[in-house]
Amino acid sequence: MNEKKVASEKILITGIAGSGGSFLAEYILDNHPTSRLYGISRWHSVSSNRNLSNVIDSVGMHECDLCDLSSVFTVLRQVKPDKIFHIASHANVRASFHTPLTVMQNNINGTANLLEAVRLLGIDPIIQICSTSEVYGQVDPKRVPIAEDCLFQPSSPYAVSKTTQDLLGFTYFQAYNMRVVRTRMFSYLNPRRYDLFATSFALQVARIELGQQKFLNHGNLDSVRTIIDVRDAMEAYWLTATRGKIREIYNIGGDKIISVKNFLKDNPDKLK
């Protein structure tokens, strides 16, 4: 599909105040300045001013909770977007084991409400469902590198919620011919997300150097990752939404792999 040429294309990002959504907003405004950008952020979000400080004056912000269908319907009726990047979600694997129902209800119901509101309004945006490689779970080494046809084997409540989002996107394409593209993101470096993988490691290293922490905490050192920068990840989102094929799935990740152990090998004495 060729990129849609619209002078003032309206683009809506759910979760725009989050660590990924804010970088996507910056990418769009820097590289596609004729677009009109809108964002959904929950009324109690505390990250919007911090993450969006560089672009807030160029974004039409809407207070909205995706778990409230009437709220979603109202925003979509006002904006009538040409593209929707659905990034909003509770995105923490470990936390999903502590609050599984909250994570699943938020991610699944929020996605269902978004798709239902689009259907009820009769608008026809391209909708990118931003899923994750977590839907694949523990993959047989024979299936690595992981292709888009790898079986779903979610191994956390978070992964279950993202698998359901993914399938909802496909269902609404099949049933209502909605223009859905699905992406499954692998690991990326994100300086605005302090609690996950590489950024968490960097923060811990800084704390160790300051004498505030003795050991670096980590997970499975033999786990293998492919890592890209968040800015490249957001460009990939844009490319899949503008040049991707409707109904298709796109894995997004780096072309080099590294184990967690090798990622941290410069500080072997500080691992715990």
C-alpha atoms as a PDB file:
ATOM      1  CA  MET A   1       0.000   0.000   0.000  1.00  0.00           C
ATOM      2  CA  ASN A   2       1.405   3.396  -0.968  1.00  0.00           C
ATOM      3  CA  GLU A   3       1.702   6.117   1.642  1.00  0.00           C
ATOM      4  CA  LYS A   4      -1.434   8.226   1.725  1.00  0.00           C
ATOM      5  CA  LYS A   5      -0.764  11.767   0.487  1.00  0.00           C
ATOM      6  CA  VAL A   6      -2.932  14.077   2.527  1.00  0.00           C
ATOM      7  CA  ALA A   7      -1.869  17.665   3.197  1.00  0.00           C
ATOM      8  CA  SER A   8      -3.376  17.828   6.657  1.00  0.00           C
ATOM      9  CA  GLU A   9      -3.786  14.214   7.685  1.00  0.00           C
ATOM     10  CA  LYS A  10      -5.227  13.815  11.181  1.00  0.00           C
ATOM     11  CA  ILE A  11      -3.339  11.370  13.376  1.00  0.00           C
ATOM     12  CA  LEU A  12      -4.400  10.144  16.813  1.00  0.00           C
ATOM     13  CA  ILE A  13      -2.027   8.447  19.261  1.00  0.00           C
ATOM     14  CA  THR A  14      -3.491   6.607  22.233  1.00  0.00           C
ATOM     15  CA  GLY A  15      -1.151   6.683  25.203  1.00  0.00           C
ATOM     16  CA  ILE A  16       0.649   9.675  23.732  1.00  0.00           C
ATOM     17  CA  ALA A  17       1.987  10.745  27.144  1.00  0.00           C
ATOM     18  CA  GLY A  18       3.725   7.416  27.666  1.00  0.00           C
ATOM     19  CA  SER A  19       7.367   6.694  26.984  1.00  0.00           C
ATOM     20  CA  GLY A  20       6.777   5.241  23.524  1.00  0.00           C
ATOM     21  CA  GLY A  21       3.879   7.449  22.477  1.00  0.00           C
ATOM     22  CA  SER A  22       5.780  10.642  23.237  1.00  0.00           C
ATOM     23  CA  PHE A  23       8.679   9.570  21.028  1.00  0.00           C
ATOM     24  CA  LEU A  24       6.215   8.717  18.254  1.00  0.00           C
ATOM     25  CA  ALA A  25       4.691  12.197  18.588  1.00  0.00           C
ATOM     26  CA  GLU A  26       8.136  13.759  18.234  1.00  0.00           C
ATOM     27  CA  TYR A  27       8.933  11.611  15.200  1.00  0.00           C
ATOM     28  CA  ILE A  28       5.708  12.565  13.404  1.00  0.00           C
ATOM     29  CA  LEU A  29       6.019  16.283  14.107  1.00  0.00           C
ATOM     30  CA  ASP A  30       9.692  16.339  13.086  1.00  0.00           C
ATOM     31  CA  ASN A  31       9.296  14.318   9.890  1.00  0.00           C
ATOM     32  CA  HIS A  32       5.695  14.892   8.792  1.00  0.00           C
ATOM     33  CA  PRO A  33       4.964  18.481   9.846  1.00  0.00           C
ATOM     34  CA  THR A  34       1.835  18.828   7.689  1.00  0.00           C
ATOM     35  CA  SER A  35       0.061  16.235   9.845  1.00  0.00           C
ATOM     36  CA  ARG A  36      -2.336  17.368  12.540  1.00  0.00           C
ATOM     37  CA  LEU A  37      -1.502  15.421  15.655  1.00  0.00           C
ATOM     38  CA  TYR A  38      -3.908  14.532  18.465  1.00  0.00           C
ATOM     39  CA  GLY A  39      -3.353  12.494  21.587  1.00  0.00           C
ATOM     40  CA  ILE A  40      -5.343  10.603  24.177  1.00  0.00           C
ATOM     41  CA  SER A  41      -4.137  10.691  27.761  1.00  0.00           C
ATOM     42  CA  ARG A  42      -5.942   9.629  30.912  1.00  0.00           C
ATOM     43  CA  TRP A  43      -7.062  12.465  33.137  1.00  0.00           C
ATOM     44  CA  HIS A  44      -4.899  11.205  36.002  1.00  0.00           C
ATOM     45  CA  SER A  45      -1.742  10.740  33.913  1.00  0.00           C
ATOM     46  CA  VAL A  46       1.298  12.314  35.565  1.00  0.00           C
ATOM     47  CA  SER A  47       3.709  11.800  32.674  1.00  0.00           C
ATOM     48  CA  SER A  48       2.247  14.074  29.980  1.00  0.00           C
ATOM     49  CA  ASN A  49       4.061  17.255  30.976  1.00  0.00           C
ATOM     50  CA  ARG A  50       7.381  15.445  31.387  1.00  0.00           C
ATOM     51  CA  ASN A  51       7.366  13.248  28.279  1.00  0.00           C
ATOM     52  CA  LEU A  52       5.633  15.721  25.966  1.00  0.00           C
ATOM     53  CA  SER A  53       7.501  18.838  27.051  1.00  0.00           C
ATOM     54  CA  ASN A  54       9.140  19.199  23.624  1.00  0.00           C
ATOM     55  CA  VAL A  55       5.922  19.001  21.592  1.00  0.00           C
ATOM     56  CA  ILE A  56       2.939  19.697  23.841  1.00  0.00           C
ATOM     57  CA  ASP A  57       2.094  22.978  22.089  1.00  0.00           C
ATOM     58  CA  SER A  58       1.758  21.132  18.763  1.00  0.00           C
ATOM     59  CA  VAL A  59      -0.558  18.366  19.970  1.00  0.00           C
ATOM     60  CA  GLY A  60      -4.310  18.475  20.384  1.00  0.00           C
ATOM     61  CA  MET A  61      -4.643  16.705  23.730  1.00  0.00           C
ATOM     62  CA  HIS A  62      -7.832  14.926  24.830  1.00  0.00           C
ATOM     63  CA  GLU A  63      -8.509  13.566  28.285  1.00  0.00           C
ATOM     64  CA  CYS A  64      -9.886  10.088  27.789  1.00  0.00           C
ATOM     65  CA  ASP A  65      -9.914   6.714  29.499  1.00  0.00           C
ATOM     66  CA  LEU A  66     -10.045   3.943  26.915  1.00  0.00           C
ATOM     67  CA  CYS A  67     -11.986   1.768  29.356  1.00  0.00           C
ATOM     68  CA  ASP A  68     -14.867   4.274  29.141  1.00  0.00           C
ATOM     69  CA  LEU A  69     -16.593   3.734  25.781  1.00  0.00           C
ATOM     70  CA  SER A  70     -18.477   7.029  25.910  1.00  0.00           C
ATOM     71  CA  SER A  71     -15.209   8.880  26.456  1.00  0.00           C
ATOM     72  CA  VAL A  72     -13.553   7.147  23.503  1.00  0.00           C
ATOM     73  CA  PHE A  73     -16.597   7.710  21.281  1.00  0.00           C
ATOM     74  CA  THR A  74     -16.618  11.428  22.070  1.00  0.00           C
ATOM     75  CA  VAL A  75     -12.945  11.928  21.218  1.00  0.00           C
ATOM     76  CA  LEU A  76     -13.150   9.978  17.951  1.00  0.00           C
ATOM     77  CA  ARG A  77     -16.277  11.877  16.916  1.00  0.00           C
ATOM     78  CA  GLN A  78     -14.459  15.167  17.463  1.00  0.00           C
ATOM     79  CA  VAL A  79     -11.146  14.239  15.831  1.00  0.00           C
ATOM     80  CA  LYS A  80     -12.237  11.844  13.043  1.00  0.00           C
ATOM     81  CA  PRO A  81      -8.636  10.648  12.584  1.00  0.00           C
ATOM     82  CA  ASP A  82      -7.156   9.318   9.349  1.00  0.00           C
ATOM     83  CA  LYS A  83      -4.690   7.174  11.302  1.00  0.00           C
ATOM     84  CA  ILE A  84      -4.755   5.784  14.825  1.00  0.00           C
ATOM     85  CA  PHE A  85      -1.650   4.478  16.566  1.00  0.00           C
ATOM     86  CA  HIS A  86      -2.939   2.378  19.451  1.00  0.00           C
ATOM     87  CA  ILE A  87      -0.005   2.358  21.872  1.00  0.00           C
ATOM     88  CA  ALA A  88      -1.786   2.796  25.213  1.00  0.00           C
ATOM     89  CA  SER A  89      -1.516  -0.185  27.548  1.00  0.00           C
ATOM     90  CA  HIS A  90      -0.273  -1.390  30.897  1.00  0.00           C
ATOM     91  CA  ALA A  91       3.104  -2.668  29.695  1.00  0.00           C
ATOM     92  CA  ASN A  92       4.991  -4.413  32.474  1.00  0.00           C
ATOM     93  CA  VAL A  93       5.331  -8.193  32.499  1.00  0.00           C
ATOM     94  CA  ARG A  94       6.340  -8.472  36.155  1.00  0.00           C
ATOM     95  CA  ALA A  95       3.556  -6.159  37.353  1.00  0.00           C
ATOM     96  CA  SER A  96       0.993  -8.186  35.421  1.00  0.00           C
ATOM     97  CA  PHE A  97       1.562 -11.118  37.786  1.00  0.00           C
ATOM     98  CA  HIS A  98       0.761  -8.893  40.779  1.00  0.00           C
ATOM     99  CA  THR A  99      -2.318  -7.227  39.243  1.00  0.00           C
ATOM    100  CA  PRO A 100      -3.363  -9.586  36.440  1.00  0.00           C
ATOM    101  CA  LEU A 101      -7.026  -8.603  36.225  1.00  0.00           C
ATOM    102  CA  THR A 102      -6.243  -4.890  36.144  1.00  0.00           C
ATOM    103  CA  VAL A 103      -3.727  -5.341  33.332  1.00  0.00           C
ATOM    104  CA  MET A 104      -6.000  -7.586  31.273  1.00  0.00           C
ATOM    105  CA  GLN A 105      -9.112  -5.490  31.787  1.00  0.00           C
ATOM    106  CA  ASN A 106      -7.281  -2.299  30.860  1.00  0.00           C
ATOM    107  CA  ASN A 107      -5.541  -3.612  27.757  1.00  0.00           C
ATOM    108  CA  ILE A 108      -8.355  -5.767  26.398  1.00  0.00           C
ATOM    109  CA  ASN A 109     -11.327  -3.529  27.188  1.00  0.00           C
ATOM    110  CA  GLY A 110      -9.493  -0.407  26.048  1.00  0.00           C
ATOM    111  CA  THR A 111      -8.772  -1.975  22.663  1.00  0.00           C
ATOM    112  CA  ALA A 112     -12.305  -3.321  22.288  1.00  0.00           C
ATOM    113  CA  ASN A 113     -13.747   0.118  23.100  1.00  0.00           C
ATOM    114  CA  LEU A 114     -11.481   1.803  20.563  1.00  0.00           C
ATOM    115  CA  LEU A 115     -12.448  -0.592  17.785  1.00  0.00           C
ATOM    116  CA  GLU A 116     -16.129  -0.453  18.703  1.00  0.00           C
ATOM    117  CA  ALA A 117     -16.143   3.344  18.721  1.00  0.00           C
ATOM    118  CA  VAL A 118     -14.580   3.394  15.245  1.00  0.00           C
ATOM    119  CA  ARG A 119     -17.223   0.933  14.040  1.00  0.00           C
ATOM    120  CA  LEU A 120     -20.155   2.766  15.601  1.00  0.00           C
ATOM    121  CA  LEU A 121     -19.047   6.108  14.176  1.00  0.00           C
ATOM    122  CA  GLY A 122     -18.594   4.672  10.693  1.00  0.00           C
ATOM    123  CA  ILE A 123     -15.175   6.293  10.230  1.00  0.00           C
ATOM    124  CA  ASP A 124     -12.410   4.520   8.313  1.00  0.00           C
ATOM    125  CA  PRO A 125      -8.945   5.245   9.727  1.00  0.00           C
ATOM    126  CA  ILE A 126      -5.897   3.047   9.392  1.00  0.00           C
ATOM    127  CA  ILE A 127      -5.501   1.525  12.859  1.00  0.00           C
ATOM    128  CA  GLN A 128      -2.165   0.246  14.023  1.00  0.00           C
ATOM    129  CA  ILE A 129      -2.457  -2.211  16.889  1.00  0.00           C
ATOM    130  CA  CYS A 130       0.894  -2.084  18.684  1.00  0.00           C
ATOM    131  CA  SER A 131       1.443  -5.576  20.043  1.00  0.00           C
ATOM    132  CA  THR A 132       4.592  -7.240  21.381  1.00  0.00           C
ATOM    133  CA  SER A 133       6.896 -10.196  20.906  1.00  0.00           C
ATOM    134  CA  GLU A 134       5.674 -11.352  24.331  1.00  0.00           C
ATOM    135  CA  VAL A 135       2.736 -13.001  22.524  1.00  0.00           C
ATOM    136  CA  TYR A 136       5.163 -15.706  21.318  1.00  0.00           C
ATOM    137  CA  GLY A 137       6.197 -16.721  24.834  1.00  0.00           C
ATOM    138  CA  GLN A 138       8.921 -19.333  25.247  1.00  0.00           C
ATOM    139  CA  VAL A 139       9.803 -20.173  21.652  1.00  0.00           C
ATOM    140  CA  ASP A 140      11.434 -23.406  20.542  1.00  0.00           C
ATOM    141  CA  PRO A 141      15.040 -22.559  19.543  1.00  0.00           C
ATOM    142  CA  LYS A 142      14.289 -24.203  16.198  1.00  0.00           C
ATOM    143  CA  ARG A 143      11.834 -21.350  15.499  1.00  0.00           C
ATOM    144  CA  VAL A 144      14.430 -18.631  16.063  1.00  0.00           C
ATOM    145  CA  PRO A 145      14.610 -16.099  14.513  1.00  0.00           C
ATOM    146  CA  ILE A 146      10.922 -15.692  15.250  1.00  0.00           C
ATOM    147  CA  ALA A 147       8.693 -15.177  12.224  1.00  0.00           C
ATOM    148  CA  GLU A 148       5.226 -13.664  12.173  1.00  0.00           C
ATOM    149  CA  ASP A 149       3.623 -17.106  11.758  1.00  0.00           C
ATOM    150  CA  CYS A 150       5.084 -18.388  15.035  1.00  0.00           C
ATOM    151  CA  LEU A 151       2.394 -19.771  17.357  1.00  0.00           C
ATOM    152  CA  PHE A 152       1.000 -17.707  20.218  1.00  0.00           C
ATOM    153  CA  GLN A 153       2.231 -19.037  23.578  1.00  0.00           C
ATOM    154  CA  PRO A 154       1.722 -16.134  26.000  1.00  0.00           C
ATOM    155  CA  SER A 155       3.350 -16.804  29.357  1.00  0.00           C
ATOM    156  CA  SER A 156       2.172 -13.842  31.448  1.00  0.00           C
ATOM    157  CA  PRO A 157      -1.112 -11.998  32.025  1.00  0.00           C
ATOM    158  CA  TYR A 158       0.394  -9.064  30.113  1.00  0.00           C
ATOM    159  CA  ALA A 159       1.176 -11.313  27.154  1.00  0.00           C
ATOM    160  CA  VAL A 160      -2.363 -12.705  27.269  1.00  0.00           C
ATOM    161  CA  SER A 161      -3.757  -9.177  27.112  1.00  0.00           C
ATOM    162  CA  LYS A 162      -1.562  -8.283  24.135  1.00  0.00           C
ATOM    163  CA  THR A 163      -2.466 -11.511  22.352  1.00  0.00           C
ATOM    164  CA  THR A 164      -6.122 -10.595  22.782  1.00  0.00           C
ATOM    165  CA  GLN A 165      -5.502  -7.074  21.448  1.00  0.00           C
ATOM    166  CA  ASP A 166      -3.788  -8.621  18.446  1.00  0.00           C
ATOM    167  CA  LEU A 167      -6.673 -10.994  17.780  1.00  0.00           C
ATOM    168  CA  LEU A 168      -9.268  -8.251  18.271  1.00  0.00           C
ATOM    169  CA  GLY A 169      -7.550  -6.256  15.546  1.00  0.00           C
ATOM    170  CA  PHE A 170      -7.713  -9.207  13.172  1.00  0.00           C
ATOM    171  CA  THR A 171     -11.337  -9.921  14.069  1.00  0.00           C
ATOM    172  CA  TYR A 172     -12.452  -6.355  13.313  1.00  0.00           C
ATOM    173  CA  PHE A 173     -10.653  -6.510   9.983  1.00  0.00           C
ATOM    174  CA  GLN A 174     -12.357  -9.800   9.153  1.00  0.00           C
ATOM    175  CA  ALA A 175     -15.820  -8.883  10.380  1.00  0.00           C
ATOM    176  CA  TYR A 176     -16.024  -5.177   9.483  1.00  0.00           C
ATOM    177  CA  ASN A 177     -13.270  -4.685   6.892  1.00  0.00           C
ATOM    178  CA  MET A 178     -11.559  -2.198   9.191  1.00  0.00           C
ATOM    179  CA  ARG A 179      -8.089  -1.123   8.061  1.00  0.00           C
ATOM    180  CA  VAL A 180      -6.017  -2.747  10.789  1.00  0.00           C
ATOM    181  CA  VAL A 181      -2.259  -3.336  10.732  1.00  0.00           C
ATOM    182  CA  ARG A 182      -0.635  -5.219  13.599  1.00  0.00           C
ATOM    183  CA  THR A 183       2.934  -4.804  14.811  1.00  0.00           C
ATOM    184  CA  ARG A 184       4.805  -6.940  17.332  1.00  0.00           C
ATOM    185  CA  MET A 185       7.679  -5.045  18.909  1.00  0.00           C
ATOM    186  CA  PHE A 186      10.786  -6.701  20.336  1.00  0.00           C
ATOM    187  CA  SER A 187      13.068  -4.977  22.870  1.00  0.00           C
ATOM    188  CA  TYR A 188      14.044  -1.357  22.393  1.00  0.00           C
ATOM    189  CA  LEU A 189      16.117   1.135  24.359  1.00  0.00           C
ATOM    190  CA  ASN A 190      13.869   3.811  25.829  1.00  0.00           C
ATOM    191  CA  PRO A 191      15.332   6.519  28.101  1.00  0.00           C
ATOM    192  CA  ARG A 192      11.826   7.512  29.244  1.00  0.00           C
ATOM    193  CA  ARG A 193      11.005   4.065  30.618  1.00  0.00           C
ATOM    194  CA  TYR A 194      12.945   3.544  33.833  1.00  0.00           C
ATOM    195  CA  ASP A 195      11.649   0.150  34.926  1.00  0.00           C
ATOM    196  CA  LEU A 196      12.372  -2.113  31.975  1.00  0.00           C
ATOM    197  CA  PHE A 197      15.452  -3.978  30.724  1.00  0.00           C
ATOM    198  CA  ALA A 198      18.259  -1.762  29.401  1.00  0.00           C
ATOM    199  CA  THR A 199      17.065   1.509  30.899  1.00  0.00           C
ATOM    200  CA  SER A 200      16.606  -0.183  34.272  1.00  0.00           C
ATOM    201  CA  PHE A 201      20.116  -1.590  34.020  1.00  0.00           C
ATOM    202  CA  ALA A 202      21.555   1.841  33.171  1.00  0.00           C
ATOM    203  CA  LEU A 203      19.759   3.404  36.140  1.00  0.00           C
ATOM    204  CA  GLN A 204      21.086   0.712  38.461  1.00  0.00           C
ATOM    205  CA  VAL A 205      24.635   1.177  37.152  1.00  0.00           C
ATOM    206  CA  ALA A 206      24.376   4.882  37.895  1.00  0.00           C
ATOM    207  CA  ARG A 207      23.121   4.128  41.404  1.00  0.00           C
ATOM    208  CA  ILE A 208      25.999   1.688  41.962  1.00  0.00           C
ATOM    209  CA  GLU A 209      28.519   4.311  40.840  1.00  0.00           C
ATOM    210  CA  LEU A 210      26.962   6.776  43.295  1.00  0.00           C
ATOM    211  CA  GLY A 211      27.154   4.249  46.118  1.00  0.00           C
ATOM    212  CA  GLN A 212      23.367   4.053  46.414  1.00  0.00           C
ATOM    213  CA  GLN A 213      23.158   0.388  45.402  1.00  0.00           C
ATOM    214  CA  LYS A 214      25.583  -2.531  45.741  1.00  0.00           C
ATOM    215  CA  PHE A 215      24.414  -5.087  43.179  1.00  0.00           C
ATOM    216  CA  LEU A 216      22.685  -4.927  39.796  1.00  0.00           C
ATOM    217  CA  ASN A 217      19.441  -6.910  39.795  1.00  0.00           C
ATOM    218  CA  HIS A 218      18.453  -8.728  36.609  1.00  0.00           C
ATOM    219  CA  GLY A 219      16.490 -11.649  35.235  1.00  0.00           C
ATOM    220  CA  ASN A 220      17.604 -14.636  33.176  1.00  0.00           C
ATOM    221  CA  LEU A 221      21.159 -13.945  32.000  1.00  0.00           C
ATOM    222  CA  ASP A 222      20.838 -16.489  29.198  1.00  0.00           C
ATOM    223  CA  SER A 223      17.792 -14.763  27.733  1.00  0.00           C
ATOM    224  CA  VAL A 224      18.527 -13.616  24.188  1.00  0.00           C
ATOM    225  CA  ARG A 225      17.297 -10.237  22.929  1.00  0.00           C
ATOM    226  CA  THR A 226      17.337  -8.178  19.777  1.00  0.00           C
ATOM    227  CA  ILE A 227      17.450  -4.497  20.588  1.00  0.00           C
ATOM    228  CA  ILE A 228      16.833  -1.262  18.678  1.00  0.00           C
ATOM    229  CA  ASP A 229      16.603   2.375  19.710  1.00  0.00           C
ATOM    230  CA  VAL A 230      13.157   3.728  20.543  1.00  0.00           C
ATOM    231  CA  ARG A 231      13.442   6.369  17.803  1.00  0.00           C
ATOM    232  CA  ASP A 232      14.005   3.672  15.192  1.00  0.00           C
ATOM    233  CA  ALA A 233      11.102   1.728  16.687  1.00  0.00           C
ATOM    234  CA  MET A 234       8.756   4.698  16.308  1.00  0.00           C
ATOM    235  CA  GLU A 235       9.840   5.231  12.704  1.00  0.00           C
ATOM    236  CA  ALA A 236       9.048   1.561  12.096  1.00  0.00           C
ATOM    237  CA  TYR A 237       5.552   2.123  13.513  1.00  0.00           C
ATOM    238  CA  TRP A 238       5.049   4.967  11.061  1.00  0.00           C
ATOM    239  CA  LEU A 239       6.294   2.931   8.109  1.00  0.00           C
ATOM    240  CA  THR A 240       4.058  -0.036   8.867  1.00  0.00           C
ATOM    241  CA  ALA A 241       1.013   2.224   9.214  1.00  0.00           C
ATOM    242  CA  THR A 242       1.715   4.162   6.012  1.00  0.00           C
ATOM    243  CA  ARG A 243       3.291   1.543   3.766  1.00  0.00           C
ATOM    244  CA  GLY A 244       2.239  -1.728   5.354  1.00  0.00           C
ATOM    245  CA  LYS A 245      -0.426  -4.052   4.058  1.00  0.00           C
ATOM    246  CA  ILE A 246      -3.826  -4.025   5.727  1.00  0.00           C
ATOM    247  CA  ARG A 247      -4.461  -7.103   7.932  1.00  0.00           C
ATOM    248  CA  GLU A 248      -0.748  -8.016   7.948  1.00  0.00           C
ATOM    249  CA  ILE A 249       1.492  -8.582  10.970  1.00  0.00           C
ATOM    250  CA  TYR A 250       4.947  -7.042  11.236  1.00  0.00           C
ATOM    251  CA  ASN A 251       7.600  -8.075  13.744  1.00  0.00           C
ATOM    252  CA  ILE A 252       9.840  -5.113  14.627  1.00  0.00           C
ATOM    253  CA  GLY A 253      13.301  -5.668  16.055  1.00  0.00           C
ATOM    254  CA  GLY A 254      17.006  -5.314  15.486  1.00  0.00           C
ATOM    255  CA  ASP A 255      19.095  -7.478  13.186  1.00  0.00           C
ATOM    256  CA  LYS A 256      21.609  -8.452  15.864  1.00  0.00           C
ATOM    257  CA  ILE A 257      20.996 -10.619  18.924  1.00  0.00           C
ATOM    258  CA  ILE A 258      22.654 -10.506  22.329  1.00  0.00           C
ATOM    259  CA  SER A 259      22.206 -12.321  25.612  1.00  0.00           C
ATOM    260  CA  VAL A 260      21.485 -10.397  28.789  1.00  0.00           C
ATOM    261  CA  LYS A 261      24.802 -11.697  30.161  1.00  0.00           C
ATOM    262  CA  ASN A 262      26.773 -10.237  27.255  1.00  0.00           C
ATOM    263  CA  PHE A 263      24.791  -7.023  27.476  1.00  0.00           C
ATOM    264  CA  LEU A 264      25.992  -6.675  31.072  1.00  0.00           C
ATOM    265  CA  LYS A 265      29.431  -8.261  30.740  1.00  0.00           C
ATOM    266  CA  ASP A 266      31.283  -5.018  31.493  1.00  0.00           C
ATOM    267  CA  ASN A 267      30.050  -5.239  35.109  1.00  0.00           C
ATOM    268  CA  PRO A 268      30.283  -8.979  35.961  1.00  0.00           C
ATOM    269  CA  ASP A 269      31.258  -8.410  39.589  1.00  0.00           C
ATOM    270  CA  LYS A 270      28.162  -6.343  40.297  1.00  0.00           C
ATOM    271  CA  LEU A 271      25.555  -8.842  39.065  1.00  0.00           C
ATOM    272  CA  LYS A 272      23.065 -10.392  41.410  1.00  0.00           C
END
